[in-house]
Amino acid sequence: MHIFVGNFISAVAGILDWVLTIYQWIVIIAALVSWVSPDPYNPIVRFLYRATDPVFRPIRRVIGTLGGIDISPLIVLFIIYFLRRFIVMSLRQLAF
């Protein structure tokens, strides 16, 4: 029974790592797209905004912009890095 629990926790850690990695790339792409004047009606741009704005908005509210520069994507990337290093690694160690 212990083997099944360990494998389950390992699988959850793997899926969480995969999801965080994908979201990390979505944040990076959204930040890069924001540097140009994207077409707001483009379906890809709309997806990027819908996927990232709910996470960026609270950070922007607390921190604001620094000299007109939005650092919320950078803070989100730091949070993702922390989650991948702390939670995912802890789950993997717990599994074994």
N, C-alpha and C. Protein backbone atom coordinates (compact mmCIF):
# COMPACT_ATOMS: atom_id res chain seq x y z
N MET A 1 0.82 -1.19 0.00
CA MET A 1 0.00 0.00 0.00
C MET A 1 0.87 1.26 0.00
N HIS A 2 1.97 1.22 0.69
CA HIS A 2 2.87 2.37 0.79
C HIS A 2 3.43 2.75 -0.57
N ILE A 3 3.67 1.74 -1.43
CA ILE A 3 4.20 1.99 -2.77
C ILE A 3 3.20 2.79 -3.59
N PHE A 4 1.91 2.46 -3.46
CA PHE A 4 0.88 3.15 -4.23
C PHE A 4 0.76 4.62 -3.81
N VAL A 5 0.86 4.87 -2.51
CA VAL A 5 0.79 6.26 -2.03
C VAL A 5 1.99 7.04 -2.53
N GLY A 6 3.17 6.42 -2.47
CA GLY A 6 4.38 7.08 -2.96
C GLY A 6 4.29 7.39 -4.44
N ASN A 7 3.79 6.43 -5.22
CA ASN A 7 3.63 6.65 -6.65
C ASN A 7 2.60 7.73 -6.95
N PHE A 8 1.53 7.75 -6.16
CA PHE A 8 0.50 8.77 -6.34
C PHE A 8 1.08 10.16 -6.07
N ILE A 9 1.80 10.30 -4.98
CA ILE A 9 2.40 11.60 -4.64
C ILE A 9 3.42 12.00 -5.70
N SER A 10 4.18 11.05 -6.20
CA SER A 10 5.14 11.34 -7.27
C SER A 10 4.43 11.80 -8.54
N ALA A 11 3.30 11.16 -8.87
CA ALA A 11 2.54 11.56 -10.05
C ALA A 11 1.96 12.96 -9.89
N VAL A 12 1.45 13.27 -8.70
CA VAL A 12 0.92 14.61 -8.43
C VAL A 12 2.03 15.65 -8.57
N ALA A 13 3.22 15.33 -8.05
CA ALA A 13 4.35 16.25 -8.17
C ALA A 13 4.72 16.46 -9.63
N GLY A 14 4.71 15.40 -10.42
CA GLY A 14 5.03 15.52 -11.84
C GLY A 14 4.03 16.37 -12.59
N ILE A 15 2.75 16.15 -12.31
CA ILE A 15 1.70 16.94 -12.97
C ILE A 15 1.79 18.40 -12.56
N LEU A 16 1.99 18.65 -11.27
CA LEU A 16 2.12 20.03 -10.79
C LEU A 16 3.31 20.73 -11.43
N ASP A 17 4.43 20.02 -11.55
CA ASP A 17 5.61 20.59 -12.18
C ASP A 17 5.33 20.91 -13.65
N TRP A 18 4.63 20.01 -14.32
CA TRP A 18 4.29 20.21 -15.73
C TRP A 18 3.37 21.42 -15.90
N VAL A 19 2.34 21.53 -15.05
CA VAL A 19 1.39 22.65 -15.13
C VAL A 19 2.11 23.98 -14.84
N LEU A 20 2.96 23.99 -13.83
CA LEU A 20 3.69 25.22 -13.50
C LEU A 20 4.65 25.62 -14.62
N THR A 21 5.27 24.64 -15.26
CA THR A 21 6.16 24.94 -16.38
C THR A 21 5.39 25.55 -17.55
N ILE A 22 4.24 24.99 -17.87
CA ILE A 22 3.42 25.54 -18.96
C ILE A 22 2.97 26.96 -18.61
N TYR A 23 2.52 27.16 -17.37
CA TYR A 23 2.07 28.50 -16.98
C TYR A 23 3.24 29.49 -16.98
N GLN A 24 4.42 29.01 -16.63
CA GLN A 24 5.62 29.87 -16.69
C GLN A 24 5.82 30.39 -18.10
N TRP A 25 5.69 29.52 -19.10
CA TRP A 25 5.85 29.94 -20.49
C TRP A 25 4.72 30.86 -20.94
N ILE A 26 3.52 30.63 -20.44
CA ILE A 26 2.41 31.53 -20.76
C ILE A 26 2.69 32.93 -20.22
N VAL A 27 3.22 33.01 -19.00
CA VAL A 27 3.57 34.31 -18.40
C VAL A 27 4.67 34.99 -19.22
N ILE A 28 5.68 34.24 -19.61
CA ILE A 28 6.78 34.82 -20.40
C ILE A 28 6.26 35.34 -21.73
N ILE A 29 5.45 34.56 -22.41
CA ILE A 29 4.91 34.98 -23.71
C ILE A 29 4.00 36.19 -23.55
N ALA A 30 3.17 36.21 -22.49
CA ALA A 30 2.29 37.36 -22.26
C ALA A 30 3.11 38.62 -21.99
N ALA A 31 4.21 38.48 -21.25
CA ALA A 31 5.06 39.64 -20.98
C ALA A 31 5.71 40.15 -22.26
N LEU A 32 6.17 39.24 -23.10
CA LEU A 32 6.77 39.66 -24.37
C LEU A 32 5.76 40.31 -25.30
N VAL A 33 4.55 39.77 -25.33
CA VAL A 33 3.50 40.33 -26.19
C VAL A 33 3.11 41.73 -25.71
N SER A 34 3.19 41.96 -24.40
CA SER A 34 2.80 43.27 -23.87
C SER A 34 3.77 44.38 -24.28
N TRP A 35 4.94 44.02 -24.73
CA TRP A 35 5.92 45.03 -25.16
C TRP A 35 5.58 45.63 -26.52
N VAL A 36 4.79 44.93 -27.31
CA VAL A 36 4.36 45.45 -28.60
C VAL A 36 2.90 45.85 -28.47
N SER A 37 2.35 46.42 -29.49
CA SER A 37 0.92 46.78 -29.47
C SER A 37 0.14 45.65 -30.12
N PRO A 38 -0.24 44.64 -29.33
CA PRO A 38 -0.94 43.51 -29.94
C PRO A 38 -2.38 43.86 -30.28
N ASP A 39 -2.90 43.15 -31.24
CA ASP A 39 -4.31 43.29 -31.60
C ASP A 39 -5.15 42.68 -30.48
N PRO A 40 -5.95 43.49 -29.77
CA PRO A 40 -6.71 42.94 -28.64
C PRO A 40 -7.79 41.93 -29.06
N TYR A 41 -8.09 41.85 -30.34
CA TYR A 41 -9.10 40.91 -30.81
C TYR A 41 -8.48 39.59 -31.31
N ASN A 42 -7.17 39.52 -31.32
CA ASN A 42 -6.49 38.30 -31.71
C ASN A 42 -6.79 37.22 -30.66
N PRO A 43 -7.21 36.02 -31.07
CA PRO A 43 -7.57 34.98 -30.10
C PRO A 43 -6.41 34.57 -29.19
N ILE A 44 -5.20 34.58 -29.71
CA ILE A 44 -4.05 34.21 -28.88
C ILE A 44 -3.80 35.27 -27.82
N VAL A 45 -3.88 36.52 -28.21
CA VAL A 45 -3.69 37.62 -27.26
C VAL A 45 -4.79 37.59 -26.20
N ARG A 46 -6.00 37.34 -26.62
CA ARG A 46 -7.11 37.27 -25.66
C ARG A 46 -6.91 36.12 -24.68
N PHE A 47 -6.44 34.97 -25.18
CA PHE A 47 -6.16 33.84 -24.29
C PHE A 47 -5.07 34.20 -23.28
N LEU A 48 -4.01 34.84 -23.76
CA LEU A 48 -2.91 35.21 -22.86
C LEU A 48 -3.39 36.16 -21.77
N TYR A 49 -4.20 37.12 -22.14
CA TYR A 49 -4.72 38.06 -21.13
C TYR A 49 -5.66 37.37 -20.15
N ARG A 50 -6.53 36.49 -20.66
CA ARG A 50 -7.44 35.77 -19.77
C ARG A 50 -6.70 34.82 -18.83
N ALA A 51 -5.59 34.27 -19.30
CA ALA A 51 -4.84 33.31 -18.49
C ALA A 51 -3.95 33.98 -17.45
N THR A 52 -3.53 35.22 -17.72
CA THR A 52 -2.56 35.86 -16.83
C THR A 52 -3.13 37.02 -16.01
N ASP A 53 -4.11 37.72 -16.52
CA ASP A 53 -4.64 38.89 -15.79
C ASP A 53 -5.17 38.57 -14.39
N PRO A 54 -5.87 37.45 -14.18
CA PRO A 54 -6.32 37.17 -12.81
C PRO A 54 -5.17 36.99 -11.81
N VAL A 55 -4.01 36.61 -12.29
CA VAL A 55 -2.85 36.45 -11.41
C VAL A 55 -2.09 37.78 -11.30
N PHE A 56 -1.99 38.50 -12.41
CA PHE A 56 -1.26 39.77 -12.40
C PHE A 56 -2.00 40.86 -11.62
N ARG A 57 -3.32 40.88 -11.72
CA ARG A 57 -4.12 41.97 -11.15
C ARG A 57 -3.88 42.20 -9.66
N PRO A 58 -3.92 41.17 -8.80
CA PRO A 58 -3.67 41.44 -7.37
C PRO A 58 -2.26 41.95 -7.09
N ILE A 59 -1.30 41.46 -7.87
CA ILE A 59 0.08 41.92 -7.69
C ILE A 59 0.20 43.37 -8.11
N ARG A 60 -0.44 43.73 -9.22
CA ARG A 60 -0.41 45.13 -9.68
C ARG A 60 -1.08 46.04 -8.66
N ARG A 61 -2.16 45.54 -8.03
CA ARG A 61 -2.87 46.34 -7.05
C ARG A 61 -1.98 46.64 -5.84
N VAL A 62 -1.21 45.64 -5.41
CA VAL A 62 -0.37 45.80 -4.22
C VAL A 62 0.89 46.60 -4.55
N ILE A 63 1.56 46.25 -5.64
CA ILE A 63 2.85 46.85 -5.95
C ILE A 63 2.73 48.05 -6.89
N GLY A 64 1.81 47.99 -7.82
CA GLY A 64 1.70 49.04 -8.81
C GLY A 64 2.77 48.88 -9.87
N THR A 65 3.08 49.97 -10.52
CA THR A 65 4.15 49.95 -11.52
C THR A 65 5.32 50.77 -11.00
N LEU A 66 6.48 50.36 -11.36
CA LEU A 66 7.68 51.09 -10.95
C LEU A 66 8.16 51.93 -12.13
N GLY A 67 7.87 53.20 -12.08
CA GLY A 67 8.27 54.08 -13.18
C GLY A 67 7.62 53.72 -14.49
N GLY A 68 6.39 53.23 -14.44
CA GLY A 68 5.68 52.84 -15.65
C GLY A 68 6.00 51.43 -16.13
N ILE A 69 6.83 50.71 -15.38
CA ILE A 69 7.18 49.34 -15.76
C ILE A 69 6.40 48.37 -14.88
N ASP A 70 5.69 47.47 -15.53
CA ASP A 70 4.90 46.45 -14.83
C ASP A 70 5.80 45.27 -14.49
N ILE A 71 6.05 45.06 -13.21
CA ILE A 71 6.92 43.95 -12.80
C ILE A 71 6.13 42.74 -12.32
N SER A 72 4.80 42.77 -12.46
CA SER A 72 4.00 41.64 -12.00
C SER A 72 4.37 40.32 -12.69
N PRO A 73 4.72 40.30 -14.00
CA PRO A 73 5.14 39.02 -14.58
C PRO A 73 6.42 38.48 -13.92
N LEU A 74 7.32 39.36 -13.58
CA LEU A 74 8.56 38.93 -12.93
C LEU A 74 8.27 38.34 -11.56
N ILE A 75 7.37 38.95 -10.82
CA ILE A 75 7.01 38.43 -9.50
C ILE A 75 6.31 37.08 -9.63
N VAL A 76 5.44 36.94 -10.62
CA VAL A 76 4.77 35.66 -10.85
C VAL A 76 5.79 34.58 -11.21
N LEU A 77 6.79 34.93 -12.00
CA LEU A 77 7.83 33.96 -12.35
C LEU A 77 8.62 33.54 -11.11
N PHE A 78 8.89 34.48 -10.21
CA PHE A 78 9.57 34.12 -8.95
C PHE A 78 8.70 33.19 -8.11
N ILE A 79 7.41 33.45 -8.07
CA ILE A 79 6.49 32.59 -7.31
C ILE A 79 6.46 31.19 -7.91
N ILE A 80 6.40 31.10 -9.24
CA ILE A 80 6.41 29.80 -9.90
C ILE A 80 7.71 29.07 -9.60
N TYR A 81 8.83 29.78 -9.65
CA TYR A 81 10.13 29.17 -9.34
C TYR A 81 10.13 28.62 -7.92
N PHE A 82 9.60 29.41 -6.98
CA PHE A 82 9.53 28.96 -5.59
C PHE A 82 8.66 27.72 -5.46
N LEU A 83 7.49 27.73 -6.10
CA LEU A 83 6.59 26.59 -6.03
C LEU A 83 7.23 25.33 -6.60
N ARG A 84 7.93 25.48 -7.71
CA ARG A 84 8.58 24.32 -8.32
C ARG A 84 9.72 23.80 -7.44
N ARG A 85 10.47 24.70 -6.83
CA ARG A 85 11.60 24.28 -5.99
C ARG A 85 11.16 23.78 -4.64
N PHE A 86 10.16 24.37 -4.05
CA PHE A 86 9.76 23.99 -2.70
C PHE A 86 8.70 22.90 -2.69
N ILE A 87 7.55 23.15 -3.30
CA ILE A 87 6.44 22.21 -3.21
C ILE A 87 6.69 20.96 -4.05
N VAL A 88 7.08 21.14 -5.31
CA VAL A 88 7.28 19.98 -6.17
C VAL A 88 8.42 19.12 -5.65
N MET A 89 9.53 19.74 -5.27
CA MET A 89 10.67 18.97 -4.75
C MET A 89 10.30 18.28 -3.45
N SER A 90 9.54 18.95 -2.58
CA SER A 90 9.11 18.35 -1.32
C SER A 90 8.20 17.15 -1.56
N LEU A 91 7.28 17.29 -2.51
CA LEU A 91 6.40 16.17 -2.84
C LEU A 91 7.19 14.98 -3.38
N ARG A 92 8.17 15.27 -4.22
CA ARG A 92 8.98 14.18 -4.78
C ARG A 92 9.79 13.48 -3.68
N GLN A 93 10.34 14.26 -2.76
CA GLN A 93 11.09 13.65 -1.66
C GLN A 93 10.15 12.87 -0.75
N LEU A 94 8.95 13.36 -0.54
CA LEU A 94 7.97 12.66 0.28
C LEU A 94 7.56 11.34 -0.37
N ALA A 95 7.51 11.32 -1.69
CA ALA A 95 7.10 10.12 -2.41
C ALA A 95 8.13 9.00 -2.24
N PHE A 96 9.39 9.37 -2.08
CA PHE A 96 10.42 8.35 -1.94
C PHE A 96 10.85 8.28 -0.52
